[in-house]
């Protein structure tokens, strides 16, 4: 297993581009059974990056792809509550859909989420 704390820290600091790079490197080195997890983490990072850059369609596309990958690792994986993470991604995706419908894009940091690691595992 890899140490993903650095990537989680980058993500939680809203350095989504660097988080993407971090998880992409692990994805390239990962065993077959872990690859989809890391690809999902790359996609959620890219989705959030697109969001802060104002690319709602690109963000939505990546977030939806991340959900399909991360779903395979429920309920928890790499000390992450995957169910909770997917719920946060779905909430952001829903918010983006509403913003797009209303043509009302505003970057609001409270819309973004943090990835929390489980304790006492």
Protein backbone atom coordinates (compact mmCIF):
# COMPACT_ATOMS: atom_id res chain seq x y z
CA UNK A 1 0.00 0.00 0.00
CA UNK A 2 1.09 3.54 -0.78
CA UNK A 3 1.16 6.50 1.60
CA UNK A 4 -1.55 8.77 0.21
CA UNK A 5 -1.38 11.40 2.97
CA UNK A 6 0.55 13.83 0.76
CA UNK A 7 -2.11 13.71 -1.95
CA UNK A 8 -4.92 14.12 0.58
CA UNK A 9 -3.12 17.11 2.09
CA UNK A 10 -2.70 18.74 -1.33
CA UNK A 11 -6.37 18.12 -2.15
CA UNK A 12 -7.51 19.55 1.20
CA UNK A 13 -5.37 22.65 0.60
CA UNK A 14 -7.23 23.09 -2.71
CA UNK A 15 -4.04 22.46 -4.67
CA UNK A 16 -5.98 20.22 -7.00
CA UNK A 17 -3.45 20.28 -9.84
CA UNK A 18 -0.68 19.03 -7.53
CA UNK A 19 -3.07 16.47 -5.99
CA UNK A 20 -3.80 15.23 -9.51
CA UNK A 21 -0.07 14.83 -10.17
CA UNK A 22 0.42 13.01 -6.87
CA UNK A 23 -2.37 10.49 -7.48
CA UNK A 24 -1.44 10.05 -11.14
CA UNK A 25 2.06 8.99 -10.12
CA UNK A 26 0.60 6.39 -7.74
CA UNK A 27 -1.84 5.25 -10.42
CA UNK A 28 1.06 4.53 -12.77
CA UNK A 29 2.86 2.48 -10.10
CA UNK A 30 -0.20 0.76 -8.61
CA UNK A 31 -1.09 -2.89 -8.83
CA UNK A 32 -3.99 -3.81 -11.08
CA UNK A 33 -6.49 -4.04 -8.20
CA UNK A 34 -5.64 -0.49 -7.03
CA UNK A 35 -5.50 1.29 -10.39
CA UNK A 36 -9.17 2.28 -10.58
CA UNK A 37 -9.01 3.77 -7.08
CA UNK A 38 -6.11 6.01 -8.01
CA UNK A 39 -7.69 6.89 -11.34
CA UNK A 40 -10.80 7.94 -9.41
CA UNK A 41 -8.69 10.10 -7.12
CA UNK A 42 -7.03 11.68 -10.17
CA UNK A 43 -10.45 12.38 -11.67
CA UNK A 44 -11.93 13.96 -8.54
CA UNK A 45 -8.83 16.16 -8.26
CA UNK A 46 -9.10 17.19 -11.93
CA UNK A 47 -12.84 17.76 -11.52
CA UNK A 48 -12.23 20.17 -8.65
CA UNK A 49 -9.44 21.87 -10.59
CA UNK A 50 -11.75 22.42 -13.56
CA UNK A 51 -14.37 23.80 -11.18
CA UNK A 52 -12.11 26.46 -9.68
CA UNK A 53 -11.03 27.39 -13.22
CA UNK A 54 -14.67 27.89 -14.25
CA UNK A 55 -14.89 24.88 -16.57
CA UNK A 56 -18.19 23.47 -15.32
CA UNK A 57 -18.66 20.92 -18.09
CA UNK A 58 -15.13 19.55 -17.67
CA UNK A 59 -15.59 19.47 -13.92
CA UNK A 60 -18.88 17.62 -14.16
CA UNK A 61 -17.44 15.07 -16.57
CA UNK A 62 -14.48 14.24 -14.35
CA UNK A 63 -16.55 14.10 -11.15
CA UNK A 64 -19.02 11.66 -12.71
CA UNK A 65 -16.16 9.47 -13.95
CA UNK A 66 -14.57 9.50 -10.49
CA UNK A 67 -17.77 8.24 -8.87
CA UNK A 68 -17.94 5.22 -11.16
CA UNK A 69 -14.34 4.30 -10.31
CA UNK A 70 -14.54 4.95 -6.56
CA UNK A 71 -17.81 2.99 -6.27
CA UNK A 72 -15.77 -0.17 -6.77
CA UNK A 73 -13.94 0.45 -3.47
CA UNK A 74 -16.91 0.92 -1.09
CA UNK A 75 -17.28 1.07 1.84
CA UNK A 76 -13.73 2.11 2.73
CA UNK A 77 -10.36 1.95 1.07
CA UNK A 78 -6.98 3.41 1.90
CA UNK A 79 -8.42 4.70 5.16
CA UNK A 80 -11.06 6.77 3.33
CA UNK A 81 -14.79 6.38 3.87
CA UNK A 82 -15.56 5.95 0.17
CA UNK A 83 -19.32 6.19 0.69
CA UNK A 84 -18.91 9.60 2.35
CA UNK A 85 -16.47 10.76 -0.32
CA UNK A 86 -18.87 9.76 -3.10
CA UNK A 87 -21.67 11.61 -1.31
CA UNK A 88 -19.54 14.78 -1.26
CA UNK A 89 -18.69 14.39 -4.94
CA UNK A 90 -22.37 13.91 -5.81
CA UNK A 91 -23.30 17.04 -3.83
CA UNK A 92 -20.69 19.11 -5.69
CA UNK A 93 -21.86 17.62 -9.00
CA UNK A 94 -25.46 18.56 -8.19
CA UNK A 95 -24.41 22.11 -7.29
CA UNK A 96 -22.52 22.40 -10.58
CA UNK A 97 -25.60 21.20 -12.49
CA UNK A 98 -27.69 23.93 -10.84
CA UNK A 99 -25.06 26.61 -11.49
CA UNK A 100 -24.90 25.57 -15.14
CA UNK A 101 -28.69 25.63 -15.52
CA UNK A 102 -28.93 29.09 -13.98
CA UNK A 103 -25.81 30.33 -15.75
CA UNK A 104 -24.71 31.44 -12.28
CA UNK A 105 -21.12 30.42 -11.73
CA UNK A 106 -19.48 31.71 -8.58
CA UNK A 107 -16.47 30.14 -6.95
CA UNK A 108 -17.47 29.66 -3.36
CA UNK A 109 -14.91 27.81 -1.24
CA UNK A 110 -17.68 26.35 0.93
CA UNK A 111 -18.91 24.37 -2.09
CA UNK A 112 -15.65 22.42 -2.23
CA UNK A 113 -15.01 19.60 0.20
CA UNK A 114 -12.22 17.96 2.12
CA UNK A 115 -11.26 14.31 2.09
CA UNK A 116 -11.13 13.04 5.64
CA UNK A 117 -9.14 9.99 6.63
CA UNK A 118 -10.73 7.54 9.02
CA UNK A 119 -9.28 7.32 12.50
CA UNK A 120 -8.90 4.20 14.66
CA UNK A 121 -8.88 1.82 11.73
